[in-house]
C-alpha atoms as a PDB file:
ATOM      1  CA  MET A   1     -37.932 -30.033 -97.896  1.00  0.00           C
ATOM      2  CA  LYS A   2     -34.975 -32.376 -98.311  1.00  0.00           C
ATOM      3  CA  PHE A   3     -33.403 -30.021-100.823  1.00  0.00           C
ATOM      4  CA  SER A   4     -33.545 -27.144 -98.292  1.00  0.00           C
ATOM      5  CA  GLN A   5     -32.043 -29.260 -95.542  1.00  0.00           C
ATOM      6  CA  LYS A   6     -29.202 -30.325 -97.832  1.00  0.00           C
ATOM      7  CA  LYS A   7     -28.526 -26.694 -98.732  1.00  0.00           C
ATOM      8  CA  LEU A   8     -28.538 -25.712 -95.091  1.00  0.00           C
ATOM      9  CA  ILE A   9     -26.183 -28.541 -94.123  1.00  0.00           C
ATOM     10  CA  MET A  10     -23.881 -27.661 -97.030  1.00  0.00           C
ATOM     11  CA  LEU A  11     -23.871 -23.990 -96.030  1.00  0.00           C
ATOM     12  CA  LEU A  12     -23.112 -24.816 -92.400  1.00  0.00           C
ATOM     13  CA  THR A  13     -20.333 -27.199 -93.434  1.00  0.00           C
ATOM     14  CA  LEU A  14     -18.719 -24.601 -95.700  1.00  0.00           C
ATOM     15  CA  SER A  15     -18.992 -21.970 -92.985  1.00  0.00           C
ATOM     16  CA  LEU A  16     -17.388 -24.297 -90.477  1.00  0.00           C
ATOM     17  CA  ILE A  17     -14.514 -25.090 -92.856  1.00  0.00           C
ATOM     18  CA  PHE A  18     -13.978 -21.386 -93.488  1.00  0.00           C
ATOM     19  CA  PHE A  19     -13.862 -20.479 -89.795  1.00  0.00           C
ATOM     20  CA  ILE A  20     -11.626 -23.402 -88.842  1.00  0.00           C
ATOM     21  CA  ASN A  21      -9.024 -22.254 -91.380  1.00  0.00           C
ATOM     22  CA  THR A  22      -9.183 -18.609 -90.307  1.00  0.00           C
ATOM     23  CA  LYS A  23      -6.597 -17.421 -87.781  1.00  0.00           C
ATOM     24  CA  PRO A  24      -8.056 -15.367 -84.948  1.00  0.00           C
ATOM     25  CA  THR A  25      -6.955 -11.755 -84.865  1.00  0.00           C
ATOM     26  CA  ILE A  26      -7.109  -9.188 -82.147  1.00  0.00           C
ATOM     27  CA  ALA A  27      -8.383  -5.827 -83.283  1.00  0.00           C
ATOM     28  CA  MET A  28      -5.803  -3.218 -82.454  1.00  0.00           C
ATOM     29  CA  PRO A  29      -7.097  -0.097 -80.805  1.00  0.00           C
ATOM     30  CA  ASP A  30      -6.327   3.190 -82.482  1.00  0.00           C
ATOM     31  CA  MET A  31      -3.835   4.252 -79.863  1.00  0.00           C
ATOM     32  CA  ASN A  32      -1.186   6.906 -80.189  1.00  0.00           C
ATOM     33  CA  PRO A  33      -1.370   8.655 -76.844  1.00  0.00           C
ATOM     34  CA  ALA A  34       0.270  11.989 -76.357  1.00  0.00           C
ATOM     35  CA  PHE A  35       3.267  10.324 -74.749  1.00  0.00           C
ATOM     36  CA  ASN A  36       4.923  13.625 -73.899  1.00  0.00           C
ATOM     37  CA  GLU A  37       2.032  14.141 -71.468  1.00  0.00           C
ATOM     38  CA  VAL A  38       2.643  10.804 -69.718  1.00  0.00           C
ATOM     39  CA  ILE A  39       4.869  11.965 -66.853  1.00  0.00           C
ATOM     40  CA  PHE A  40       6.557   9.508 -64.509  1.00  0.00           C
ATOM     41  CA  HIS A  41       9.407   9.428 -62.003  1.00  0.00           C
ATOM     42  CA  ILE A  42      12.564   7.315 -62.142  1.00  0.00           C
ATOM     43  CA  GLY A  43      14.867   6.587 -59.202  1.00  0.00           C
ATOM     44  CA  GLU A  44      18.495   7.268 -60.144  1.00  0.00           C
ATOM     45  CA  GLY A  45      20.685   6.710 -57.103  1.00  0.00           C
ATOM     46  CA  ASP A  46      19.893   9.471 -54.641  1.00  0.00           C
ATOM     47  CA  LYS A  47      17.994  11.616 -57.139  1.00  0.00           C
ATOM     48  CA  ILE A  48      14.621  11.248 -58.796  1.00  0.00           C
ATOM     49  CA  THR A  49      14.292  12.085 -62.477  1.00  0.00           C
ATOM     50  CA  THR A  50      11.081  13.119 -64.210  1.00  0.00           C
ATOM     51  CA  ALA A  51      10.633  11.661 -67.689  1.00  0.00           C
ATOM     52  CA  ASN A  52       8.024  10.694 -70.279  1.00  0.00           C
ATOM     53  CA  LEU A  53       7.596   7.931 -72.845  1.00  0.00           C
ATOM     54  CA  SER A  54       8.394  10.166 -75.818  1.00  0.00           C
ATOM     55  CA  GLN A  55      12.012  10.229 -74.601  1.00  0.00           C
ATOM     56  CA  TYR A  56      12.281   6.611 -75.773  1.00  0.00           C
ATOM     57  CA  LYS A  57      11.184   7.328 -79.352  1.00  0.00           C
ATOM     58  CA  GLY A  58      13.318   5.257 -81.709  1.00  0.00           C
ATOM     59  CA  LYS A  59      13.173   2.190 -79.467  1.00  0.00           C
ATOM     60  CA  ILE A  60      10.586  -0.539 -79.124  1.00  0.00           C
ATOM     61  CA  ILE A  61       8.910   0.102 -75.767  1.00  0.00           C
ATOM     62  CA  LEU A  62       7.334  -2.648 -73.686  1.00  0.00           C
ATOM     63  CA  VAL A  63       4.900  -1.248 -71.123  1.00  0.00           C
ATOM     64  CA  PHE A  64       3.580  -3.338 -68.268  1.00  0.00           C
ATOM     65  CA  PHE A  65       1.449  -2.091 -65.359  1.00  0.00           C
ATOM     66  CA  GLY A  66       1.803  -3.566 -61.901  1.00  0.00           C
ATOM     67  CA  TYR A  67       3.220  -3.017 -58.429  1.00  0.00           C
ATOM     68  CA  THR A  68       6.069  -4.337 -56.308  1.00  0.00           C
ATOM     69  CA  HIS A  69       3.863  -6.136 -53.769  1.00  0.00           C
ATOM     70  CA  CYS A  70       2.087  -8.125 -56.503  1.00  0.00           C
ATOM     71  CA  PRO A  71       2.104 -11.785 -55.467  1.00  0.00           C
ATOM     72  CA  ASP A  72       1.899 -13.431 -58.881  1.00  0.00           C
ATOM     73  CA  ILE A  73       1.352 -11.761 -62.277  1.00  0.00           C
ATOM     74  CA  CYS A  74       3.983  -9.021 -61.988  1.00  0.00           C
ATOM     75  CA  PRO A  75       6.991 -11.158 -61.050  1.00  0.00           C
ATOM     76  CA  LEU A  76       6.079 -13.791 -63.637  1.00  0.00           C
ATOM     77  CA  THR A  77       5.638 -11.212 -66.402  1.00  0.00           C
ATOM     78  CA  LEU A  78       8.889  -9.474 -65.497  1.00  0.00           C
ATOM     79  CA  MET A  79      10.664 -12.854 -65.720  1.00  0.00           C
ATOM     80  CA  ASP A  80       9.105 -13.403 -69.163  1.00  0.00           C
ATOM     81  CA  ILE A  81      10.289  -9.947 -70.250  1.00  0.00           C
ATOM     82  CA  LYS A  82      13.798 -10.804 -69.023  1.00  0.00           C
ATOM     83  CA  LYS A  83      13.743 -14.055 -71.014  1.00  0.00           C
ATOM     84  CA  ALA A  84      12.617 -12.129 -74.097  1.00  0.00           C
ATOM     85  CA  LEU A  85      15.444  -9.608 -73.680  1.00  0.00           C
ATOM     86  CA  ASP A  86      17.964 -12.411 -73.260  1.00  0.00           C
ATOM     87  CA  GLY A  87      16.565 -14.167 -76.335  1.00  0.00           C
ATOM     88  CA  LEU A  88      16.849 -11.018 -78.450  1.00  0.00           C
ATOM     89  CA  GLY A  89      20.614 -10.899 -77.968  1.00  0.00           C
ATOM     90  CA  GLU A  90      22.114  -7.685 -79.382  1.00  0.00           C
ATOM     91  CA  ASN A  91      18.658  -6.530 -80.527  1.00  0.00           C
ATOM     92  CA  ALA A  92      17.685  -6.104 -76.865  1.00  0.00           C
ATOM     93  CA  LYS A  93      19.530  -2.757 -76.968  1.00  0.00           C
ATOM     94  CA  ARG A  94      16.758  -1.529 -79.264  1.00  0.00           C
ATOM     95  CA  VAL A  95      14.050  -2.377 -76.707  1.00  0.00           C
ATOM     96  CA  GLN A  96      13.116  -0.437 -73.555  1.00  0.00           C
ATOM     97  CA  PRO A  97      10.906  -2.338 -71.094  1.00  0.00           C
ATOM     98  CA  ILE A  98       9.057  -0.054 -68.683  1.00  0.00           C
ATOM     99  CA  PHE A  99       7.268  -1.327 -65.581  1.00  0.00           C
ATOM    100  CA  ILE A 100       4.741   1.317 -64.495  1.00  0.00           C
ATOM    101  CA  SER A 101       3.636   0.954 -60.891  1.00  0.00           C
ATOM    102  CA  VAL A 102       0.032   1.858 -60.186  1.00  0.00           C
ATOM    103  CA  ASP A 103       0.668   1.630 -56.438  1.00  0.00           C
ATOM    104  CA  TYR A 104       1.525   5.301 -55.966  1.00  0.00           C
ATOM    105  CA  LYS A 105       1.194   4.962 -52.165  1.00  0.00           C
ATOM    106  CA  ARG A 106       3.879   2.322 -51.558  1.00  0.00           C
ATOM    107  CA  ASP A 107       6.096   2.205 -54.656  1.00  0.00           C
ATOM    108  CA  SER A 108       8.665   4.975 -54.687  1.00  0.00           C
ATOM    109  CA  PRO A 109      11.017   5.430 -57.652  1.00  0.00           C
ATOM    110  CA  ARG A 110      13.873   4.006 -55.564  1.00  0.00           C
ATOM    111  CA  THR A 111      11.816   0.975 -54.529  1.00  0.00           C
ATOM    112  CA  LEU A 112      10.911   0.359 -58.163  1.00  0.00           C
ATOM    113  CA  LYS A 113      14.503   0.601 -59.324  1.00  0.00           C
ATOM    114  CA  GLN A 114      15.569  -1.973 -56.747  1.00  0.00           C
ATOM    115  CA  TYR A 115      12.625  -4.234 -57.626  1.00  0.00           C
ATOM    116  CA  THR A 116      13.097  -4.160 -61.409  1.00  0.00           C
ATOM    117  CA  GLN A 117      16.892  -4.557 -61.106  1.00  0.00           C
ATOM    118  CA  TYR A 118      16.245  -7.853 -59.350  1.00  0.00           C
ATOM    119  CA  PHE A 119      14.723  -9.176 -62.594  1.00  0.00           C
ATOM    120  CA  ASP A 120      16.901  -7.354 -65.132  1.00  0.00           C
ATOM    121  CA  LYS A 121      18.867  -4.098 -65.092  1.00  0.00           C
ATOM    122  CA  ARG A 122      17.392  -3.191 -68.489  1.00  0.00           C
ATOM    123  CA  ILE A 123      13.841  -2.967 -67.092  1.00  0.00           C
ATOM    124  CA  LEU A 124      12.964   0.568 -66.046  1.00  0.00           C
ATOM    125  CA  GLY A 125      10.662   0.869 -63.031  1.00  0.00           C
ATOM    126  CA  VAL A 126       8.631   4.075 -62.913  1.00  0.00           C
ATOM    127  CA  THR A 127       5.736   5.613 -61.014  1.00  0.00           C
ATOM    128  CA  SER A 128       4.042   8.933 -60.454  1.00  0.00           C
ATOM    129  CA  ASP A 129       1.379  10.572 -58.341  1.00  0.00           C
ATOM    130  CA  LYS A 130      -2.269   9.499 -58.518  1.00  0.00           C
ATOM    131  CA  LYS A 131      -3.167  12.201 -61.048  1.00  0.00           C
ATOM    132  CA  ASN A 132      -0.513  11.087 -63.539  1.00  0.00           C
ATOM    133  CA  ILE A 133      -1.095   7.371 -62.914  1.00  0.00           C
ATOM    134  CA  ASP A 134      -4.767   7.960 -63.724  1.00  0.00           C
ATOM    135  CA  LYS A 135      -3.776   9.861 -66.877  1.00  0.00           C
ATOM    136  CA  ILE A 136      -1.396   7.077 -67.963  1.00  0.00           C
ATOM    137  CA  ASN A 137      -4.096   4.455 -67.422  1.00  0.00           C
ATOM    138  CA  LYS A 138      -6.571   6.538 -69.396  1.00  0.00           C
ATOM    139  CA  PHE A 139      -4.118   6.806 -72.306  1.00  0.00           C
ATOM    140  CA  PHE A 140      -3.642   3.044 -72.344  1.00  0.00           C
ATOM    141  CA  ARG A 141      -7.371   2.441 -71.813  1.00  0.00           C
ATOM    142  CA  THR A 142      -6.741   0.320 -68.788  1.00  0.00           C
ATOM    143  CA  THR A 143      -7.782   0.418 -65.148  1.00  0.00           C
ATOM    144  CA  TYR A 144      -6.472  -0.275 -61.687  1.00  0.00           C
ATOM    145  CA  ALA A 145      -7.918  -0.227 -58.180  1.00  0.00           C
ATOM    146  CA  LEU A 146      -6.325  -0.203 -54.742  1.00  0.00           C
ATOM    147  CA  LEU A 147      -8.232  -2.795 -52.701  1.00  0.00           C
ATOM    148  CA  ASP A 148      -8.607  -2.209 -48.957  1.00  0.00           C
ATOM    149  CA  HIS A 149      -5.909   0.457 -49.209  1.00  0.00           C
ATOM    150  CA  ASP A 150      -6.491   1.458 -45.596  1.00  0.00           C
ATOM    151  CA  THR A 151      -4.587  -1.663 -44.544  1.00  0.00           C
ATOM    152  CA  GLU A 152      -0.815  -2.064 -44.838  1.00  0.00           C
ATOM    153  CA  ASN A 153      -0.841  -5.157 -47.068  1.00  0.00           C
ATOM    154  CA  TYR A 154      -3.520  -4.194 -49.564  1.00  0.00           C
ATOM    155  CA  LEU A 155      -3.711  -5.678 -53.052  1.00  0.00           C
ATOM    156  CA  VAL A 156      -4.047  -3.777 -56.313  1.00  0.00           C
ATOM    157  CA  GLU A 157      -6.212  -4.886 -59.212  1.00  0.00           C
ATOM    158  CA  HIS A 158      -4.527  -3.921 -62.467  1.00  0.00           C
ATOM    159  CA  SER A 159      -4.274  -4.693 -66.149  1.00  0.00           C
ATOM    160  CA  SER A 160      -1.948  -7.576 -66.875  1.00  0.00           C
ATOM    161  CA  ASN A 161      -1.420  -6.857 -70.567  1.00  0.00           C
ATOM    162  CA  LEU A 162       1.950  -6.111 -72.115  1.00  0.00           C
ATOM    163  CA  TYR A 163       1.805  -3.153 -74.511  1.00  0.00           C
ATOM    164  CA  ILE A 164       4.294  -3.100 -77.381  1.00  0.00           C
ATOM    165  CA  ILE A 165       4.963   0.367 -78.759  1.00  0.00           C
ATOM    166  CA  ASP A 166       6.879   0.830 -82.004  1.00  0.00           C
ATOM    167  CA  LYS A 167       9.745   3.241 -82.692  1.00  0.00           C
ATOM    168  CA  SER A 168       7.280   5.939 -83.796  1.00  0.00           C
ATOM    169  CA  LEU A 169       5.380   5.667 -80.493  1.00  0.00           C
ATOM    170  CA  TYR A 170       2.332   3.807 -81.766  1.00  0.00           C
ATOM    171  CA  VAL A 171       0.885   0.945 -79.722  1.00  0.00           C
ATOM    172  CA  LYS A 172       1.229  -1.955 -82.156  1.00  0.00           C
ATOM    173  CA  LYS A 173       0.428  -4.992 -80.064  1.00  0.00           C
ATOM    174  CA  ILE A 174      -1.230  -5.840 -76.797  1.00  0.00           C
ATOM    175  CA  LEU A 175      -0.201  -9.205 -75.405  1.00  0.00           C
ATOM    176  CA  PRO A 176      -2.019 -11.032 -72.623  1.00  0.00           C
ATOM    177  CA  SER A 177      -0.088 -11.994 -69.508  1.00  0.00           C
ATOM    178  CA  GLY A 178       1.325 -15.465 -69.248  1.00  0.00           C
ATOM    179  CA  LEU A 179       3.027 -15.548 -72.637  1.00  0.00           C
ATOM    180  CA  PRO A 180       6.529 -17.010 -72.521  1.00  0.00           C
ATOM    181  CA  GLY A 181       9.539 -14.963 -73.554  1.00  0.00           C
ATOM    182  CA  THR A 182       9.610 -16.700 -76.947  1.00  0.00           C
ATOM    183  CA  GLU A 183       6.144 -15.347 -77.789  1.00  0.00           C
ATOM    184  CA  ILE A 184       7.138 -11.855 -76.698  1.00  0.00           C
ATOM    185  CA  ILE A 185      10.158 -12.102 -79.013  1.00  0.00           C
ATOM    186  CA  LYS A 186       7.881 -13.098 -81.918  1.00  0.00           C
ATOM    187  CA  ALA A 187       5.778  -9.999 -81.285  1.00  0.00           C
ATOM    188  CA  ILE A 188       8.811  -7.682 -81.073  1.00  0.00           C
ATOM    189  CA  LYS A 189      10.971  -8.924 -83.967  1.00  0.00           C
ATOM    190  CA  PRO A 190       8.861  -7.542 -86.849  1.00  0.00           C
ATOM    191  CA  LEU A 191       9.068  -4.082 -85.260  1.00  0.00           C
ATOM    192  CA  LEU A 192      12.869  -3.976 -84.870  1.00  0.00           C
END
């Protein structure tokens, strides 16, 4: 019996050592959405332009979902994206951050442009109608929900991840919210 207990303890110890020295990894989803089908609207002065993500092929694209009335996650994440862009220096020209509003009722393209420009002029604020917002969320395998949307000051539940798309339009990394700009830079640099 003692021999079996010793073997068991040895096996558990070796397993523990192995797992302590193993870095955790996040399994990447097999995602290459048909980005030409992801239609959104951009406010450009007095006109509204229709575009899609495939127009940014050749750049690293950062996609973040949110809305302009968000009290916490959205402004903090947009500040982190700004810090990452600033930290990238000249390489920031090779990155296109896109803030996709899921609040299709309140966030117009013009409102989004004004909102994102407050954080950084390089961040593109876009939206669409409910049908396309639903399609975009389906492509990114994320969700959102308008809470008590019959009231004027409703909240929106939404994904808080930052999606990093490479130059060939493949989602390469999904970062959780709350990462500082330096961590976003670390995730982007290998893709430049």
